[in-house]
mmCIF file of all heavy atoms, coordinates in Angstrom:
data_MODEL
# 
_entry.id   MODEL 
# 
loop_
_atom_site.group_PDB 
_atom_site.id 
_atom_site.type_symbol 
_atom_site.label_atom_id 
_atom_site.label_alt_id 
_atom_site.label_comp_id 
_atom_site.label_asym_id 
_atom_site.label_entity_id 
_atom_site.label_seq_id 
_atom_site.pdbx_PDB_ins_code 
_atom_site.Cartn_x 
_atom_site.Cartn_y 
_atom_site.Cartn_z 
_atom_site.occupancy 
_atom_site.B_iso_or_equiv 
_atom_site.pdbx_formal_charge 
_atom_site.auth_seq_id 
_atom_site.auth_comp_id 
_atom_site.auth_asym_id 
_atom_site.auth_atom_id 
_atom_site.pdbx_PDB_model_num 
ATOM 1   N N   . ARG A 1 1  ? -21.015 174.971 111.710 1.00 0.00 ? 1  ARG A N   1 
ATOM 2   C CA  . ARG A 1 1  ? -21.865 175.965 111.069 1.00 0.00 ? 1  ARG A CA  1 
ATOM 3   C C   . ARG A 1 1  ? -23.123 176.295 111.851 1.00 0.00 ? 1  ARG A C   1 
ATOM 4   O O   . ARG A 1 1  ? -23.425 177.468 112.075 1.00 0.00 ? 1  ARG A O   1 
ATOM 5   C CB  . ARG A 1 1  ? -22.242 175.485 109.663 1.00 0.00 ? 1  ARG A CB  1 
ATOM 6   C CG  . ARG A 1 1  ? -23.067 176.477 108.876 1.00 0.00 ? 1  ARG A CG  1 
ATOM 7   C CD  . ARG A 1 1  ? -23.240 176.024 107.449 1.00 0.00 ? 1  ARG A CD  1 
ATOM 8   N NE  . ARG A 1 1  ? -23.994 177.002 106.665 1.00 0.00 ? 1  ARG A NE  1 
ATOM 9   C CZ  . ARG A 1 1  ? -24.264 176.880 105.383 1.00 0.00 ? 1  ARG A CZ  1 
ATOM 10  N NH1 . ARG A 1 1  ? -23.845 175.808 104.714 1.00 0.00 ? 1  ARG A NH1 1 
ATOM 11  N NH2 . ARG A 1 1  ? -24.949 177.815 104.750 1.00 0.00 ? 1  ARG A NH2 1 
ATOM 12  N N   . TYR A 1 2  ? -23.862 175.285 112.243 1.00 0.00 ? 2  TYR A N   1 
ATOM 13  C CA  . TYR A 1 2  ? -25.145 175.502 112.895 1.00 0.00 ? 2  TYR A CA  1 
ATOM 14  C C   . TYR A 1 2  ? -25.076 175.384 114.412 1.00 0.00 ? 2  TYR A C   1 
ATOM 15  O O   . TYR A 1 2  ? -26.085 175.565 115.095 1.00 0.00 ? 2  TYR A O   1 
ATOM 16  C CB  . TYR A 1 2  ? -26.182 174.523 112.342 1.00 0.00 ? 2  TYR A CB  1 
ATOM 17  C CG  . TYR A 1 2  ? -26.428 174.713 110.878 1.00 0.00 ? 2  TYR A CG  1 
ATOM 18  C CD1 . TYR A 1 2  ? -25.940 173.806 109.947 1.00 0.00 ? 2  TYR A CD1 1 
ATOM 19  C CD2 . TYR A 1 2  ? -27.140 175.813 110.410 1.00 0.00 ? 2  TYR A CD2 1 
ATOM 20  C CE1 . TYR A 1 2  ? -26.147 173.986 108.595 1.00 0.00 ? 2  TYR A CE1 1 
ATOM 21  C CE2 . TYR A 1 2  ? -27.350 175.997 109.056 1.00 0.00 ? 2  TYR A CE2 1 
ATOM 22  C CZ  . TYR A 1 2  ? -26.857 175.081 108.153 1.00 0.00 ? 2  TYR A CZ  1 
ATOM 23  O OH  . TYR A 1 2  ? -27.068 175.260 106.804 1.00 0.00 ? 2  TYR A OH  1 
ATOM 24  N N   . TYR A 1 3  ? -23.919 175.068 114.912 1.00 0.00 ? 3  TYR A N   1 
ATOM 25  C CA  . TYR A 1 3  ? -23.672 174.966 116.351 1.00 0.00 ? 3  TYR A CA  1 
ATOM 26  C C   . TYR A 1 3  ? -24.573 173.932 117.020 1.00 0.00 ? 3  TYR A C   1 
ATOM 27  O O   . TYR A 1 3  ? -24.996 174.102 118.166 1.00 0.00 ? 3  TYR A O   1 
ATOM 28  C CB  . TYR A 1 3  ? -23.831 176.328 117.014 1.00 0.00 ? 3  TYR A CB  1 
ATOM 29  C CG  . TYR A 1 3  ? -22.710 177.308 116.699 1.00 0.00 ? 3  TYR A CG  1 
ATOM 30  C CD1 . TYR A 1 3  ? -21.901 177.147 115.594 1.00 0.00 ? 3  TYR A CD1 1 
ATOM 31  C CD2 . TYR A 1 3  ? -22.467 178.401 117.535 1.00 0.00 ? 3  TYR A CD2 1 
ATOM 32  C CE1 . TYR A 1 3  ? -20.884 178.041 115.309 1.00 0.00 ? 3  TYR A CE1 1 
ATOM 33  C CE2 . TYR A 1 3  ? -21.451 179.303 117.257 1.00 0.00 ? 3  TYR A CE2 1 
ATOM 34  C CZ  . TYR A 1 3  ? -20.666 179.119 116.143 1.00 0.00 ? 3  TYR A CZ  1 
ATOM 35  O OH  . TYR A 1 3  ? -19.658 180.010 115.860 1.00 0.00 ? 3  TYR A OH  1 
ATOM 36  N N   . ARG A 1 4  ? -24.863 172.869 116.274 1.00 0.00 ? 4  ARG A N   1 
ATOM 37  C CA  . ARG A 1 4  ? -25.546 171.737 116.885 1.00 0.00 ? 4  ARG A CA  1 
ATOM 38  C C   . ARG A 1 4  ? -24.624 171.104 117.911 1.00 0.00 ? 4  ARG A C   1 
ATOM 39  O O   . ARG A 1 4  ? -23.406 171.102 117.739 1.00 0.00 ? 4  ARG A O   1 
ATOM 40  C CB  . ARG A 1 4  ? -25.921 170.706 115.823 1.00 0.00 ? 4  ARG A CB  1 
ATOM 41  C CG  . ARG A 1 4  ? -26.949 171.186 114.821 1.00 0.00 ? 4  ARG A CG  1 
ATOM 42  C CD  . ARG A 1 4  ? -27.093 170.177 113.694 1.00 0.00 ? 4  ARG A CD  1 
ATOM 43  N NE  . ARG A 1 4  ? -25.845 170.048 112.955 1.00 0.00 ? 4  ARG A NE  1 
ATOM 44  C CZ  . ARG A 1 4  ? -25.603 169.123 112.044 1.00 0.00 ? 4  ARG A CZ  1 
ATOM 45  N NH1 . ARG A 1 4  ? -26.533 168.210 111.758 1.00 0.00 ? 4  ARG A NH1 1 
ATOM 46  N NH2 . ARG A 1 4  ? -24.436 169.092 111.412 1.00 0.00 ? 4  ARG A NH2 1 
ATOM 47  N N   . THR A 1 5  ? -25.208 170.563 118.947 1.00 0.00 ? 5  THR A N   1 
ATOM 48  C CA  . THR A 1 5  ? -24.407 170.000 120.025 1.00 0.00 ? 5  THR A CA  1 
ATOM 49  C C   . THR A 1 5  ? -24.816 168.574 120.348 1.00 0.00 ? 5  THR A C   1 
ATOM 50  O O   . THR A 1 5  ? -25.956 168.168 120.127 1.00 0.00 ? 5  THR A O   1 
ATOM 51  C CB  . THR A 1 5  ? -24.518 170.846 121.304 1.00 0.00 ? 5  THR A CB  1 
ATOM 52  O OG1 . THR A 1 5  ? -25.888 170.924 121.702 1.00 0.00 ? 5  THR A OG1 1 
ATOM 53  C CG2 . THR A 1 5  ? -23.991 172.251 121.061 1.00 0.00 ? 5  THR A CG2 1 
ATOM 54  N N   . GLU A 1 6  ? -23.880 167.819 120.891 1.00 0.00 ? 6  GLU A N   1 
ATOM 55  C CA  . GLU A 1 6  ? -24.111 166.478 121.391 1.00 0.00 ? 6  GLU A CA  1 
ATOM 56  C C   . GLU A 1 6  ? -23.386 166.340 122.724 1.00 0.00 ? 6  GLU A C   1 
ATOM 57  O O   . GLU A 1 6  ? -22.324 166.924 122.917 1.00 0.00 ? 6  GLU A O   1 
ATOM 58  C CB  . GLU A 1 6  ? -23.608 165.414 120.417 1.00 0.00 ? 6  GLU A CB  1 
ATOM 59  C CG  . GLU A 1 6  ? -24.346 165.393 119.092 1.00 0.00 ? 6  GLU A CG  1 
ATOM 60  C CD  . GLU A 1 6  ? -23.876 164.276 118.186 1.00 0.00 ? 6  GLU A CD  1 
ATOM 61  O OE1 . GLU A 1 6  ? -22.970 163.519 118.586 1.00 0.00 ? 6  GLU A OE1 1 
ATOM 62  O OE2 . GLU A 1 6  ? -24.423 164.157 117.079 1.00 0.00 ? 6  GLU A OE2 1 
ATOM 63  N N   . TYR A 1 7  ? -23.977 165.559 123.616 1.00 0.00 ? 7  TYR A N   1 
ATOM 64  C CA  . TYR A 1 7  ? -23.407 165.385 124.939 1.00 0.00 ? 7  TYR A CA  1 
ATOM 65  C C   . TYR A 1 7  ? -23.454 163.937 125.375 1.00 0.00 ? 7  TYR A C   1 
ATOM 66  O O   . TYR A 1 7  ? -24.374 163.192 125.042 1.00 0.00 ? 7  TYR A O   1 
ATOM 67  C CB  . TYR A 1 7  ? -24.166 166.205 125.981 1.00 0.00 ? 7  TYR A CB  1 
ATOM 68  C CG  . TYR A 1 7  ? -24.066 167.695 125.800 1.00 0.00 ? 7  TYR A CG  1 
ATOM 69  C CD1 . TYR A 1 7  ? -25.042 168.393 125.098 1.00 0.00 ? 7  TYR A CD1 1 
ATOM 70  C CD2 . TYR A 1 7  ? -23.006 168.404 126.345 1.00 0.00 ? 7  TYR A CD2 1 
ATOM 71  C CE1 . TYR A 1 7  ? -24.952 169.762 124.931 1.00 0.00 ? 7  TYR A CE1 1 
ATOM 72  C CE2 . TYR A 1 7  ? -22.912 169.778 126.183 1.00 0.00 ? 7  TYR A CE2 1 
ATOM 73  C CZ  . TYR A 1 7  ? -23.888 170.448 125.472 1.00 0.00 ? 7  TYR A CZ  1 
ATOM 74  O OH  . TYR A 1 7  ? -23.800 171.814 125.314 1.00 0.00 ? 7  TYR A OH  1 
ATOM 75  N N   . GLN A 1 8  ? -22.461 163.564 126.155 1.00 0.00 ? 8  GLN A N   1 
ATOM 76  C CA  . GLN A 1 8  ? -22.504 162.319 126.877 1.00 0.00 ? 8  GLN A CA  1 
ATOM 77  C C   . GLN A 1 8  ? -23.613 162.419 127.921 1.00 0.00 ? 8  GLN A C   1 
ATOM 78  O O   . GLN A 1 8  ? -23.791 163.462 128.555 1.00 0.00 ? 8  GLN A O   1 
ATOM 79  C CB  . GLN A 1 8  ? -21.156 162.061 127.543 1.00 0.00 ? 8  GLN A CB  1 
ATOM 80  C CG  . GLN A 1 8  ? -21.077 160.808 128.403 1.00 0.00 ? 8  GLN A CG  1 
ATOM 81  C CD  . GLN A 1 8  ? -21.173 159.550 127.587 1.00 0.00 ? 8  GLN A CD  1 
ATOM 82  O OE1 . GLN A 1 8  ? -22.133 158.787 127.734 1.00 0.00 ? 8  GLN A OE1 1 
ATOM 83  N NE2 . GLN A 1 8  ? -20.195 159.317 126.724 1.00 0.00 ? 8  GLN A NE2 1 
ATOM 84  N N   . ASP A 1 9  ? -24.354 161.336 128.103 1.00 0.00 ? 9  ASP A N   1 
ATOM 85  C CA  . ASP A 1 9  ? -25.493 161.366 129.013 1.00 0.00 ? 9  ASP A CA  1 
ATOM 86  C C   . ASP A 1 9  ? -25.111 161.790 130.429 1.00 0.00 ? 9  ASP A C   1 
ATOM 87  O O   . ASP A 1 9  ? -25.884 162.475 131.108 1.00 0.00 ? 9  ASP A O   1 
ATOM 88  C CB  . ASP A 1 9  ? -26.174 160.001 129.058 1.00 0.00 ? 9  ASP A CB  1 
ATOM 89  C CG  . ASP A 1 9  ? -26.958 159.693 127.804 1.00 0.00 ? 9  ASP A CG  1 
ATOM 90  O OD1 . ASP A 1 9  ? -27.232 160.620 127.027 1.00 0.00 ? 9  ASP A OD1 1 
ATOM 91  O OD2 . ASP A 1 9  ? -27.314 158.521 127.607 1.00 0.00 ? 9  ASP A OD2 1 
ATOM 92  N N   . SER A 1 10 ? -23.947 161.414 130.868 1.00 0.00 ? 10 SER A N   1 
ATOM 93  C CA  . SER A 1 10 ? -23.544 161.691 132.237 1.00 0.00 ? 10 SER A CA  1 
ATOM 94  C C   . SER A 1 10 ? -23.292 163.170 132.511 1.00 0.00 ? 10 SER A C   1 
ATOM 95  O O   . SER A 1 10 ? -23.251 163.583 133.673 1.00 0.00 ? 10 SER A O   1 
ATOM 96  C CB  . SER A 1 10 ? -22.296 160.886 132.597 1.00 0.00 ? 10 SER A CB  1 
ATOM 97  O OG  . SER A 1 10 ? -21.187 161.286 131.819 1.00 0.00 ? 10 SER A OG  1 
ATOM 98  N N   . VAL A 1 11 ? -23.131 163.970 131.460 1.00 0.00 ? 11 VAL A N   1 
ATOM 99  C CA  . VAL A 1 11 ? -22.862 165.390 131.650 1.00 0.00 ? 11 VAL A CA  1 
ATOM 100 C C   . VAL A 1 11 ? -23.987 166.276 131.144 1.00 0.00 ? 11 VAL A C   1 
ATOM 101 O O   . VAL A 1 11 ? -23.970 167.488 131.399 1.00 0.00 ? 11 VAL A O   1 
ATOM 102 C CB  . VAL A 1 11 ? -21.537 165.817 130.978 1.00 0.00 ? 11 VAL A CB  1 
ATOM 103 C CG1 . VAL A 1 11 ? -20.395 164.927 131.438 1.00 0.00 ? 11 VAL A CG1 1 
ATOM 104 C CG2 . VAL A 1 11 ? -21.666 165.797 129.457 1.00 0.00 ? 11 VAL A CG2 1 
ATOM 105 N N   . LYS A 1 12 ? -24.942 165.700 130.463 1.00 0.00 ? 12 LYS A N   1 
ATOM 106 C CA  . LYS A 1 12 ? -26.032 166.481 129.895 1.00 0.00 ? 12 LYS A CA  1 
ATOM 107 C C   . LYS A 1 12 ? -26.813 167.183 131.004 1.00 0.00 ? 12 LYS A C   1 
ATOM 108 O O   . LYS A 1 12 ? -27.186 166.579 132.004 1.00 0.00 ? 12 LYS A O   1 
ATOM 109 C CB  . LYS A 1 12 ? -26.961 165.588 129.081 1.00 0.00 ? 12 LYS A CB  1 
ATOM 110 C CG  . LYS A 1 12 ? -27.920 166.353 128.188 1.00 0.00 ? 12 LYS A CG  1 
ATOM 111 C CD  . LYS A 1 12 ? -28.640 165.417 127.232 1.00 0.00 ? 12 LYS A CD  1 
ATOM 112 C CE  . LYS A 1 12 ? -29.498 166.190 126.252 1.00 0.00 ? 12 LYS A CE  1 
ATOM 113 N NZ  . LYS A 1 12 ? -30.164 165.291 125.283 1.00 0.00 ? 12 LYS A NZ  1 
ATOM 114 N N   . GLY A 1 13 ? -27.052 168.473 130.816 1.00 0.00 ? 13 GLY A N   1 
ATOM 115 C CA  . GLY A 1 13 ? -27.720 169.266 131.823 1.00 0.00 ? 13 GLY A CA  1 
ATOM 116 C C   . GLY A 1 13 ? -26.775 169.953 132.779 1.00 0.00 ? 13 GLY A C   1 
ATOM 117 O O   . GLY A 1 13 ? -27.179 170.888 133.483 1.00 0.00 ? 13 GLY A O   1 
ATOM 118 N N   . ARG A 1 14 ? -25.524 169.510 132.810 1.00 0.00 ? 14 ARG A N   1 
ATOM 119 C CA  . ARG A 1 14 ? -24.519 170.132 133.669 1.00 0.00 ? 14 ARG A CA  1 
ATOM 120 C C   . ARG A 1 14 ? -23.436 170.843 132.862 1.00 0.00 ? 14 ARG A C   1 
ATOM 121 O O   . ARG A 1 14 ? -22.935 171.883 133.278 1.00 0.00 ? 14 ARG A O   1 
ATOM 122 C CB  . ARG A 1 14 ? -23.856 169.089 134.565 1.00 0.00 ? 14 ARG A CB  1 
ATOM 123 C CG  . ARG A 1 14 ? -24.818 168.399 135.519 1.00 0.00 ? 14 ARG A CG  1 
ATOM 124 C CD  . ARG A 1 14 ? -24.066 167.527 136.519 1.00 0.00 ? 14 ARG A CD  1 
ATOM 125 N NE  . ARG A 1 14 ? -23.327 166.445 135.854 1.00 0.00 ? 14 ARG A NE  1 
ATOM 126 C CZ  . ARG A 1 14 ? -22.019 166.263 135.932 1.00 0.00 ? 14 ARG A CZ  1 
ATOM 127 N NH1 . ARG A 1 14 ? -21.271 167.087 136.663 1.00 0.00 ? 14 ARG A NH1 1 
ATOM 128 N NH2 . ARG A 1 14 ? -21.439 165.245 135.306 1.00 0.00 ? 14 ARG A NH2 1 
ATOM 129 N N   . PHE A 1 15 ? -23.067 170.254 131.737 1.00 0.00 ? 15 PHE A N   1 
ATOM 130 C CA  . PHE A 1 15 ? -22.008 170.816 130.893 1.00 0.00 ? 15 PHE A CA  1 
ATOM 131 C C   . PHE A 1 15 ? -22.617 171.467 129.658 1.00 0.00 ? 15 PHE A C   1 
ATOM 132 O O   . PHE A 1 15 ? -23.625 170.999 129.124 1.00 0.00 ? 15 PHE A O   1 
ATOM 133 C CB  . PHE A 1 15 ? -21.044 169.725 130.428 1.00 0.00 ? 15 PHE A CB  1 
ATOM 134 C CG  . PHE A 1 15 ? -20.182 169.135 131.501 1.00 0.00 ? 15 PHE A CG  1 
ATOM 135 C CD1 . PHE A 1 15 ? -20.412 169.374 132.846 1.00 0.00 ? 15 PHE A CD1 1 
ATOM 136 C CD2 . PHE A 1 15 ? -19.118 168.318 131.150 1.00 0.00 ? 15 PHE A CD2 1 
ATOM 137 C CE1 . PHE A 1 15 ? -19.613 168.816 133.828 1.00 0.00 ? 15 PHE A CE1 1 
ATOM 138 C CE2 . PHE A 1 15 ? -18.306 167.749 132.119 1.00 0.00 ? 15 PHE A CE2 1 
ATOM 139 C CZ  . PHE A 1 15 ? -18.554 167.997 133.452 1.00 0.00 ? 15 PHE A CZ  1 
ATOM 140 N N   . THR A 1 16 ? -21.971 172.518 129.184 1.00 0.00 ? 16 THR A N   1 
ATOM 141 C CA  . THR A 1 16 ? -22.393 173.188 127.967 1.00 0.00 ? 16 THR A CA  1 
ATOM 142 C C   . THR A 1 16 ? -21.181 173.456 127.086 1.00 0.00 ? 16 THR A C   1 
ATOM 143 O O   . THR A 1 16 ? -20.221 174.087 127.531 1.00 0.00 ? 16 THR A O   1 
ATOM 144 C CB  . THR A 1 16 ? -23.098 174.517 128.260 1.00 0.00 ? 16 THR A CB  1 
ATOM 145 O OG1 . THR A 1 16 ? -24.235 174.288 129.101 1.00 0.00 ? 16 THR A OG1 1 
ATOM 146 C CG2 . THR A 1 16 ? -23.564 175.176 126.964 1.00 0.00 ? 16 THR A CG2 1 
ATOM 147 N N   . ILE A 1 17 ? -21.231 172.966 125.858 1.00 0.00 ? 17 ILE A N   1 
ATOM 148 C CA  . ILE A 1 17 ? -20.174 173.255 124.901 1.00 0.00 ? 17 ILE A CA  1 
ATOM 149 C C   . ILE A 1 17 ? -20.608 174.423 124.030 1.00 0.00 ? 17 ILE A C   1 
ATOM 150 O O   . ILE A 1 17 ? -21.772 174.535 123.647 1.00 0.00 ? 17 ILE A O   1 
ATOM 151 C CB  . ILE A 1 17 ? -19.832 172.019 124.047 1.00 0.00 ? 17 ILE A CB  1 
ATOM 152 C CG1 . ILE A 1 17 ? -18.591 172.293 123.183 1.00 0.00 ? 17 ILE A CG1 1 
ATOM 153 C CG2 . ILE A 1 17 ? -21.010 171.578 123.196 1.00 0.00 ? 17 ILE A CG2 1 
ATOM 154 C CD1 . ILE A 1 17 ? -18.049 171.059 122.479 1.00 0.00 ? 17 ILE A CD1 1 
ATOM 155 N N   . SER A 1 18 ? -19.674 175.300 123.732 1.00 0.00 ? 18 SER A N   1 
ATOM 156 C CA  . SER A 1 18 ? -19.955 176.442 122.880 1.00 0.00 ? 18 SER A CA  1 
ATOM 157 C C   . SER A 1 18 ? -18.695 176.795 122.107 1.00 0.00 ? 18 SER A C   1 
ATOM 158 O O   . SER A 1 18 ? -17.608 176.287 122.401 1.00 0.00 ? 18 SER A O   1 
ATOM 159 C CB  . SER A 1 18 ? -20.442 177.638 123.702 1.00 0.00 ? 18 SER A CB  1 
ATOM 160 O OG  . SER A 1 18 ? -19.457 178.053 124.629 1.00 0.00 ? 18 SER A OG  1 
ATOM 161 N N   . ARG A 1 19 ? -18.848 177.648 121.116 1.00 0.00 ? 19 ARG A N   1 
ATOM 162 C CA  . ARG A 1 19 ? -17.679 178.067 120.354 1.00 0.00 ? 19 ARG A CA  1 
ATOM 163 C C   . ARG A 1 19 ? -17.828 179.507 119.902 1.00 0.00 ? 19 ARG A C   1 
ATOM 164 O O   . ARG A 1 19 ? -18.930 180.020 119.727 1.00 0.00 ? 19 ARG A O   1 
ATOM 165 C CB  . ARG A 1 19 ? -17.442 177.149 119.149 1.00 0.00 ? 19 ARG A CB  1 
ATOM 166 C CG  . ARG A 1 19 ? -18.502 177.242 118.060 1.00 0.00 ? 19 ARG A CG  1 
ATOM 167 C CD  . ARG A 1 19 ? -18.314 176.131 117.028 1.00 0.00 ? 19 ARG A CD  1 
ATOM 168 N NE  . ARG A 1 19 ? -17.060 176.260 116.303 1.00 0.00 ? 19 ARG A NE  1 
ATOM 169 C CZ  . ARG A 1 19 ? -16.481 175.288 115.605 1.00 0.00 ? 19 ARG A CZ  1 
ATOM 170 N NH1 . ARG A 1 19 ? -17.056 174.077 115.566 1.00 0.00 ? 19 ARG A NH1 1 
ATOM 171 N NH2 . ARG A 1 19 ? -15.346 175.499 114.963 1.00 0.00 ? 19 ARG A NH2 1 
ATOM 172 N N   . ASP A 1 20 ? -16.700 180.145 119.714 1.00 0.00 ? 20 ASP A N   1 
ATOM 173 C CA  . ASP A 1 20 ? -16.641 181.500 119.209 1.00 0.00 ? 20 ASP A CA  1 
ATOM 174 C C   . ASP A 1 20 ? -15.648 181.481 118.059 1.00 0.00 ? 20 ASP A C   1 
ATOM 175 O O   . ASP A 1 20 ? -14.435 181.520 118.278 1.00 0.00 ? 20 ASP A O   1 
ATOM 176 C CB  . ASP A 1 20 ? -16.213 182.470 120.301 1.00 0.00 ? 20 ASP A CB  1 
ATOM 177 C CG  . ASP A 1 20 ? -16.285 183.918 119.862 1.00 0.00 ? 20 ASP A CG  1 
ATOM 178 O OD1 . ASP A 1 20 ? -16.286 184.189 118.649 1.00 0.00 ? 20 ASP A OD1 1 
ATOM 179 O OD2 . ASP A 1 20 ? -16.337 184.794 120.742 1.00 0.00 ? 20 ASP A OD2 1 
ATOM 180 N N   . ASN A 1 21 ? -16.165 181.397 116.845 1.00 0.00 ? 21 ASN A N   1 
ATOM 181 C CA  . ASN A 1 21 ? -15.288 181.279 115.687 1.00 0.00 ? 21 ASN A CA  1 
ATOM 182 C C   . ASN A 1 21 ? -14.419 182.518 115.486 1.00 0.00 ? 21 ASN A C   1 
ATOM 183 O O   . ASN A 1 21 ? -13.319 182.422 114.946 1.00 0.00 ? 21 ASN A O   1 
ATOM 184 C CB  . ASN A 1 21 ? -16.108 181.002 114.423 1.00 0.00 ? 21 ASN A CB  1 
ATOM 185 C CG  . ASN A 1 21 ? -16.631 179.586 114.371 1.00 0.00 ? 21 ASN A CG  1 
ATOM 186 O OD1 . ASN A 1 21 ? -16.267 178.740 115.184 1.00 0.00 ? 21 ASN A OD1 1 
ATOM 187 N ND2 . ASN A 1 21 ? -17.505 179.313 113.406 1.00 0.00 ? 21 ASN A ND2 1 
ATOM 188 N N   . ALA A 1 22 ? -14.916 183.668 115.908 1.00 0.00 ? 22 ALA A N   1 
ATOM 189 C CA  . ALA A 1 22 ? -14.131 184.890 115.795 1.00 0.00 ? 22 ALA A CA  1 
ATOM 190 C C   . ALA A 1 22 ? -12.892 184.838 116.669 1.00 0.00 ? 22 ALA A C   1 
ATOM 191 O O   . ALA A 1 22 ? -11.890 185.488 116.373 1.00 0.00 ? 22 ALA A O   1 
ATOM 192 C CB  . ALA A 1 22 ? -14.977 186.105 116.156 1.00 0.00 ? 22 ALA A CB  1 
ATOM 193 N N   . LYS A 1 23 ? -12.957 184.063 117.750 1.00 0.00 ? 23 LYS A N   1 
ATOM 194 C CA  . LYS A 1 23 ? -11.827 183.922 118.658 1.00 0.00 ? 23 LYS A CA  1 
ATOM 195 C C   . LYS A 1 23 ? -11.093 182.600 118.482 1.00 0.00 ? 23 LYS A C   1 
ATOM 196 O O   . LYS A 1 23 ? -10.152 182.311 119.226 1.00 0.00 ? 23 LYS A O   1 
ATOM 197 C CB  . LYS A 1 23 ? -12.289 184.058 120.105 1.00 0.00 ? 23 LYS A CB  1 
ATOM 198 C CG  . LYS A 1 23 ? -12.848 185.429 120.452 1.00 0.00 ? 23 LYS A CG  1 
ATOM 199 C CD  . LYS A 1 23 ? -13.248 185.497 121.916 1.00 0.00 ? 23 LYS A CD  1 
ATOM 200 C CE  . LYS A 1 23 ? -13.760 186.876 122.272 1.00 0.00 ? 23 LYS A CE  1 
ATOM 201 N NZ  . LYS A 1 23 ? -14.156 186.963 123.700 1.00 0.00 ? 23 LYS A NZ  1 
ATOM 202 N N   . ASN A 1 24 ? -11.547 181.787 117.533 1.00 0.00 ? 24 ASN A N   1 
ATOM 203 C CA  . ASN A 1 24 ? -10.928 180.480 117.275 1.00 0.00 ? 24 ASN A CA  1 
ATOM 204 C C   . ASN A 1 24 ? -10.877 179.629 118.537 1.00 0.00 ? 24 ASN A C   1 
ATOM 205 O O   . ASN A 1 24 ? -9.876  178.958 118.814 1.00 0.00 ? 24 ASN A O   1 
ATOM 206 C CB  . ASN A 1 24 ? -9.517  180.650 116.707 1.00 0.00 ? 24 ASN A CB  1 
ATOM 207 C CG  . ASN A 1 24 ? -9.488  181.448 115.434 1.00 0.00 ? 24 ASN A CG  1 
ATOM 208 O OD1 . ASN A 1 24 ? -10.398 181.361 114.607 1.00 0.00 ? 24 ASN A OD1 1 
ATOM 209 N ND2 . ASN A 1 24 ? -8.430  182.223 115.246 1.00 0.00 ? 24 ASN A ND2 1 
ATOM 210 N N   . THR A 1 25 ? -11.964 179.653 119.284 1.00 0.00 ? 25 THR A N   1 
ATOM 211 C CA  . THR A 1 25 ? -11.972 179.012 120.592 1.00 0.00 ? 25 THR A CA  1 
ATOM 212 C C   . THR A 1 25 ? -13.266 178.241 120.822 1.00 0.00 ? 25 THR A C   1 
ATOM 213 O O   . THR A 1 25 ? -14.353 178.709 120.473 1.00 0.00 ? 25 THR A O   1 
ATOM 214 C CB  . THR A 1 25 ? -11.798 180.055 121.704 1.00 0.00 ? 25 THR A CB  1 
ATOM 215 O OG1 . THR A 1 25 ? -10.575 180.772 121.502 1.00 0.00 ? 25 THR A OG1 1 
ATOM 216 C CG2 . THR A 1 25 ? -11.754 179.397 123.071 1.00 0.00 ? 25 THR A CG2 1 
# 
């Protein structure tokens, strides 16, 4: 709902998770 994110420390700052609910992806 709020698109809060969490990351493993080893990837934080390099990886970005996102979602598009309209595309189910």
